[in-house]
């Protein structure tokens, strides 16, 4: 009974995640909260006269950056490569006799045309480790944001002169994801497979921010200061940390082999990623997305090239639809080892919905433009190089190891993504 109660408690924690009011999104917002007066920004002067003039800017910047970050995380989770729908040796039946249609362990994140065959099952578990390193090429360890003063009196922004004062925020952010996915595919017909993937995501956030009031023209003469009137300062710090664990976005899929010869084959695949992950805790995208892929693959001895092309349709407010192209090969190098290599691409369709704050233009005492972030405004096209291997083990199990390197500066990206797992076809 004791062990049953422990198991029930563990499942309850997994289902409900962190304590209410302590989501990772809320913890992230703490990086833009300075002082303890109950407002996003605390200044030592009369808040009605000066402090509140920054709060709309800070709040808007916080909302924009929070939306940008959560949207980037959602895009990263939604773009996480799906384990291949078929793996290992596949067969077709001729006069009741099985004939191999593939001999290698198959691709790891790409798809090949062959299906499992009626009644066969592929089941396995993959663990993906992701430590985010940069957003659009800018390191998360050194992000810069700027918050401007409201235009309070004269129509010209910058008059009075203290309207030129800017608050600069330097943020050092660490964000990591550990995604453990259990998946299974079933041969519904000789040429039709169906499958499901259930991810458990652990998200960890750790960050610090340093805010500094930068008076226009230099020096320290400004009515804007952090702290209290008895202990004013031009600088303030903030810290945020936390973690969450729970079910991510569950995926379902169907794959149909349309044409197959010993040398070539063609197939179609459709899958849906359901909005089952908690977006507020960076466990899921917050919206359902769909993929439709056309698959072509060949076999020349032990070498099997493949091409996947299609489209991803995403429903999130901050996510864009994209064109998907993956090309590569898998190769049986020995009786127990297969290698796989792929170029995995995701090209955004239309302008990015991840909106950054517009630059601020001051007109007094001189005309100047201040960028509110050092993150570039660009499309988040993704391109990855994937290299991996499958090892045949006793008992018809296969071990999987893969490493994926992002190429280019699109989106929120790690230096690399590693994958370890095992699978079995039976």
Foldseek 3Di string as FASTA:
>chain_A
DVVVVVVVVVVVCQAPKDDPPQAVLNLVLLQQAFDDPPASAAWADDCVVFVVQQRVQSVVQSVLVSLLVLQLLQVVVVPDFDFEQDFAWAFDADPNRTDTLAHFRDAGRDYAQAHRAAFKKKKKKKKKKFKFADFLPHGLQWWKFKTFGHDDDDPFQCPVVQSRKMKMKTKGKIKIKIKMKIKMWHRNHGFKIKMKIKIKMKMKIWMKMKIFIARPPGDDPHSGFDDHPVDTHRMGMGIGIDMIIYIEFMKIKMKGWDDDDSFKTKIKMKMKGAHPADSSNSRHNNWMKMWIWIKMWTDDPQKIWIKIWTKMGTDDQQDFIWIWIKIWIKGDPDNFKIKIKMKTWTGGDDAGSSDHDDWDWGPPPHTDTGDRIPNDRGAQIWIKIKIWMWGQDPPQKIKIWMKIATDGRGGGRGRIMIMIMMMHMD
